Amino acid sequence: MKKHIVVLTGAGMSAESGIKTFRDANGLWEGHDVMEVATPEGFRANPELVLDFYNQRRRQLFEVSPNQAHMDLATLEREFKVSIITQNVDDLHERAGSSNVIHLHGELLKVRSTYDALDIQKWTTDLILGDTCKKGYQLRPHIVWFGEDVPMMQSAINICETAHILIIIGTSMQVYPAAGLIHYVPTNTPIYFIDPKPAIESKHNLTVIAKPATTGIKEAIQKIKIIC
């Protein structure tokens, strides 16, 4: 039976593709207060601003491509069972060829009804006021905003509980509930933490690789193949 590698990815995974990491040092997202563009309250107060914000993010997706780290993770499927749990809302994992991807925080290329959260559809163009679901309710970005439940969380927990190896790439592991997933892998599971500015240090079953995603994943794969 193939070993099960679970990969948790964050903004640093896509940064080398040219996708900005959204939030900068002063807490703004692309010049906007996070409460304006990433909360239900912000959407109610100024839906046009919120829709425009995500329209710009969606347009940017078509200008970038998966980087080598995305490609290397997809290639891992030849030898291992690979599950990717990402905090990213882009589709770069899928475009690189990964076949088992869970998006914890939603997807830019999907929208959903403001009336029925389960009424989700693919969307590749700008979303504007007046775009409605079949029942006539305004559509919104299929993004998990602050203060909202993370519907894929239980699925992610279930996957982590079956991990033989955990790789964490490009995330500070400071944003909950995603950060808590590390606690659901079986005891003594080998963990590889890849980040150019890691906030943690190596310990018995945790190996920190202080490199960007593209170079760090190559080093992690080399180490994994030695122990497997």
Protein backbone atom coordinates (compact mmCIF):
# COMPACT_ATOMS: atom_id res chain seq x y z
CA MET A 1 0.00 0.00 0.00
CA LYS A 2 1.28 3.46 -0.89
CA LYS A 3 2.34 5.75 1.95
CA HIS A 4 -0.07 8.64 2.49
CA ILE A 5 1.55 12.08 2.26
CA VAL A 6 -0.62 14.94 3.46
CA VAL A 7 0.44 18.43 2.37
CA LEU A 8 -0.77 21.66 3.98
CA THR A 9 -0.10 24.71 1.80
CA GLY A 10 -0.47 28.43 2.33
CA ALA A 11 0.26 31.69 0.53
CA GLY A 12 3.98 30.96 0.28
CA MET A 13 3.19 28.03 -2.00
CA SER A 14 1.88 30.32 -4.73
CA ALA A 15 4.10 33.34 -4.08
CA GLU A 16 6.74 32.16 -6.57
CA SER A 17 4.04 32.02 -9.24
CA GLY A 18 3.52 35.74 -8.76
CA ILE A 19 0.41 35.62 -6.62
CA LYS A 20 0.68 38.14 -3.83
CA THR A 21 0.33 36.85 -0.30
CA PHE A 22 -2.73 39.07 0.28
CA ARG A 23 -1.93 40.38 3.71
CA ASP A 24 1.15 42.56 4.20
CA ALA A 25 2.88 43.68 7.38
CA ASN A 26 0.36 46.39 8.27
CA GLY A 27 -2.56 43.98 8.05
CA LEU A 28 -3.99 45.37 4.82
CA TRP A 29 -5.02 43.13 1.92
CA GLU A 30 -4.03 44.77 -1.36
CA GLY A 31 -4.55 48.16 0.29
CA HIS A 32 -7.90 47.25 1.86
CA ASP A 33 -8.79 46.69 5.49
CA VAL A 34 -9.49 42.99 5.91
CA MET A 35 -12.83 43.78 7.53
CA GLU A 36 -13.94 45.59 4.36
CA VAL A 37 -13.24 42.81 1.87
CA ALA A 38 -13.18 39.53 3.78
CA THR A 39 -16.14 39.53 6.13
CA PRO A 40 -19.91 39.08 5.68
CA GLU A 41 -20.36 42.52 7.27
CA GLY A 42 -18.06 44.09 4.68
CA PHE A 43 -20.04 42.49 1.87
CA ARG A 44 -23.33 43.78 3.25
CA ALA A 45 -21.90 47.27 3.69
CA ASN A 46 -20.27 47.59 0.26
CA PRO A 47 -20.89 44.61 -2.02
CA GLU A 48 -19.49 46.37 -5.10
CA LEU A 49 -16.14 46.94 -3.39
CA VAL A 50 -15.95 43.28 -2.31
CA LEU A 51 -16.92 41.94 -5.72
CA ASP A 52 -14.34 44.17 -7.40
CA PHE A 53 -11.65 43.00 -4.97
CA TYR A 54 -12.21 39.35 -5.86
CA ASN A 55 -12.67 40.14 -9.55
CA GLN A 56 -9.13 41.53 -9.52
CA ARG A 57 -7.82 38.43 -7.75
CA ARG A 58 -9.65 36.19 -10.25
CA ARG A 59 -8.24 38.08 -13.24
CA GLN A 60 -4.75 37.71 -11.84
CA LEU A 61 -5.14 33.93 -11.80
CA PHE A 62 -5.20 33.87 -15.59
CA GLU A 63 -1.87 35.70 -15.72
CA VAL A 64 0.09 33.20 -13.63
CA SER A 65 1.07 29.54 -13.88
CA PRO A 66 1.90 26.76 -11.42
CA ASN A 67 5.49 26.91 -10.20
CA GLN A 68 7.92 24.02 -9.87
CA ALA A 69 6.76 23.29 -6.32
CA HIS A 70 3.22 22.69 -7.57
CA MET A 71 4.63 20.43 -10.28
CA ASP A 72 6.78 18.46 -7.86
CA LEU A 73 3.83 17.78 -5.56
CA ALA A 74 1.78 16.54 -8.51
CA THR A 75 4.63 14.23 -9.55
CA LEU A 76 4.67 12.71 -6.04
CA GLU A 77 1.41 10.96 -6.90
CA ARG A 78 3.37 8.48 -9.02
CA GLU A 79 4.86 6.94 -5.88
CA PHE A 80 2.63 7.99 -2.99
CA LYS A 81 -0.97 8.66 -2.10
CA VAL A 82 -1.00 12.47 -1.87
CA SER A 83 -3.69 14.66 -0.28
CA ILE A 84 -3.30 18.42 -0.49
CA ILE A 85 -5.11 20.68 1.97
CA THR A 86 -4.64 24.27 0.92
CA GLN A 87 -5.53 27.61 2.43
CA ASN A 88 -5.08 29.13 -1.02
CA VAL A 89 -8.05 30.09 -3.17
CA ASP A 90 -6.20 29.72 -6.50
CA ASP A 91 -6.33 26.63 -8.73
CA LEU A 92 -2.58 26.18 -9.24
CA HIS A 93 -2.43 22.76 -7.54
CA GLU A 94 -5.09 21.44 -9.90
CA ARG A 95 -3.47 23.01 -12.96
CA ALA A 96 -0.17 21.35 -12.02
CA GLY A 97 -1.90 17.97 -12.02
CA SER A 98 -2.67 17.22 -8.36
CA SER A 99 -5.82 15.11 -8.22
CA ASN A 100 -6.82 15.31 -4.55
CA VAL A 101 -7.07 18.93 -3.36
CA ILE A 102 -9.20 20.37 -0.57
CA HIS A 103 -9.61 24.16 -0.41
CA LEU A 104 -10.20 25.19 3.19
CA HIS A 105 -10.85 28.83 2.41
CA GLY A 106 -12.83 28.48 -0.80
CA GLU A 107 -12.01 28.96 -4.48
CA LEU A 108 -11.73 32.07 -6.64
CA LEU A 109 -13.09 30.23 -9.67
CA LYS A 110 -16.37 29.41 -7.96
CA VAL A 111 -19.28 31.50 -6.71
CA ARG A 112 -22.26 30.65 -4.57
CA SER A 113 -25.74 31.87 -3.79
CA THR A 114 -26.22 34.26 -0.88
CA TYR A 115 -29.42 32.31 -0.16
CA ASP A 116 -28.17 28.71 -0.38
CA ALA A 117 -24.53 28.09 0.54
CA LEU A 118 -24.69 24.70 -1.21
CA ASP A 119 -25.65 26.30 -4.53
CA ILE A 120 -22.09 26.59 -5.89
CA GLN A 121 -21.10 27.08 -9.51
CA LYS A 122 -17.92 27.59 -11.51
CA TRP A 123 -17.16 31.18 -12.49
CA THR A 124 -14.31 32.54 -14.62
CA THR A 125 -15.40 36.11 -15.43
CA ASP A 126 -16.13 39.18 -13.32
CA LEU A 127 -18.96 38.83 -10.79
CA ILE A 128 -21.17 41.92 -10.54
CA LEU A 129 -24.27 43.07 -8.72
CA GLY A 130 -27.24 41.56 -10.55
CA ASP A 131 -25.60 38.18 -11.14
CA THR A 132 -28.04 35.84 -9.40
CA CYS A 133 -28.60 32.18 -8.64
CA LYS A 134 -31.51 30.21 -10.11
CA LYS A 135 -33.78 31.48 -7.33
CA GLY A 136 -32.92 35.12 -7.99
CA TYR A 137 -30.52 35.75 -5.09
CA GLN A 138 -27.24 37.62 -5.55
CA LEU A 139 -24.16 35.47 -6.09
CA ARG A 140 -21.05 36.02 -3.94
CA PRO A 141 -17.47 34.76 -4.11
CA HIS A 142 -17.09 31.18 -2.90
CA ILE A 143 -14.62 32.32 -0.26
CA VAL A 144 -14.61 31.57 3.46
CA TRP A 145 -14.59 35.00 5.07
CA PHE A 146 -13.52 35.81 8.61
CA GLY A 147 -16.24 34.88 11.05
CA GLU A 148 -17.65 32.13 8.79
CA ASP A 149 -17.51 28.38 9.31
CA VAL A 150 -14.91 26.37 7.40
CA PRO A 151 -17.09 23.69 5.79
CA MET A 152 -14.19 21.50 4.61
CA MET A 153 -12.54 21.40 8.02
CA GLN A 154 -13.86 17.99 9.09
CA SER A 155 -12.77 16.44 5.80
CA ALA A 156 -9.31 17.92 6.34
CA ILE A 157 -9.17 16.51 9.88
CA ASN A 158 -10.14 13.06 8.62
CA ILE A 159 -7.36 13.19 6.03
CA CYS A 160 -4.74 14.29 8.57
CA GLU A 161 -5.66 11.42 10.86
CA THR A 162 -4.49 8.97 8.18
CA ALA A 163 -1.19 10.69 7.33
CA HIS A 164 2.07 8.74 7.24
CA ILE A 165 3.99 11.94 6.46
CA LEU A 166 3.00 15.62 6.77
CA ILE A 167 4.49 18.43 4.67
CA ILE A 168 3.69 22.06 5.51
CA ILE A 169 4.59 24.62 2.86
CA GLY A 170 4.41 28.40 2.90
CA THR A 171 2.12 28.95 5.84
CA SER A 172 2.88 30.44 9.24
CA MET A 173 0.47 27.99 10.90
CA GLN A 174 -0.88 30.97 12.82
CA VAL A 175 -4.37 31.13 11.26
CA TYR A 176 -6.97 28.91 12.92
CA PRO A 177 -8.68 26.56 12.46
CA ALA A 178 -6.22 25.51 9.73
CA ALA A 179 -3.25 25.77 12.09
CA GLY A 180 -4.81 23.14 14.34
CA LEU A 181 -4.60 20.45 11.68
CA ILE A 182 -1.03 19.63 12.68
CA HIS A 183 -2.42 18.19 15.92
CA TYR A 184 -4.54 15.59 14.11
CA VAL A 185 -1.75 13.62 12.46
CA PRO A 186 -0.79 10.41 14.28
CA THR A 187 1.84 10.70 17.02
CA ASN A 188 5.44 10.71 15.75
CA THR A 189 4.40 11.30 12.13
CA PRO A 190 7.41 12.82 10.30
CA ILE A 191 6.66 16.49 9.61
CA TYR A 192 8.51 18.72 7.15
CA PHE A 193 7.96 22.47 7.55
CA ILE A 194 9.04 24.50 4.50
CA ASP A 195 9.14 28.29 4.80
CA PRO A 196 11.89 30.84 4.07
CA LYS A 197 11.24 32.54 7.42
CA PRO A 198 10.07 29.72 9.72
CA ALA A 199 8.58 30.68 13.06
CA ILE A 200 9.41 27.29 14.59
CA GLU A 201 12.50 25.15 15.08
CA SER A 202 13.28 21.53 14.27
CA LYS A 203 12.59 18.91 16.94
CA HIS A 204 12.37 15.11 17.14
CA ASN A 205 9.83 14.44 14.36
CA LEU A 206 9.72 17.95 12.88
CA THR A 207 12.25 18.99 10.23
CA VAL A 208 12.34 22.70 9.37
CA ILE A 209 13.55 23.57 5.88
CA ALA A 210 14.14 27.34 5.75
CA LYS A 211 13.74 27.73 2.00
CA PRO A 212 11.11 28.90 -0.49
CA ALA A 213 8.61 26.33 -1.74
CA THR A 214 10.35 25.48 -5.02
CA THR A 215 13.67 24.54 -3.44
CA GLY A 216 12.34 23.39 -0.10
CA ILE A 217 10.00 20.77 -1.54
CA LYS A 218 12.85 19.16 -3.49
CA GLU A 219 14.83 18.79 -0.26
CA ALA A 220 11.81 17.38 1.58
CA ILE A 221 11.13 14.84 -1.17
CA GLN A 222 14.74 13.66 -1.05
CA LYS A 223 14.47 13.12 2.71
CA ILE A 224 11.10 11.36 2.39
CA LYS A 225 12.40 8.92 -0.22
CA ILE A 226 15.25 7.98 2.10
CA ILE A 227 12.94 7.08 4.99
CA CYS A 228 10.41 5.33 2.71
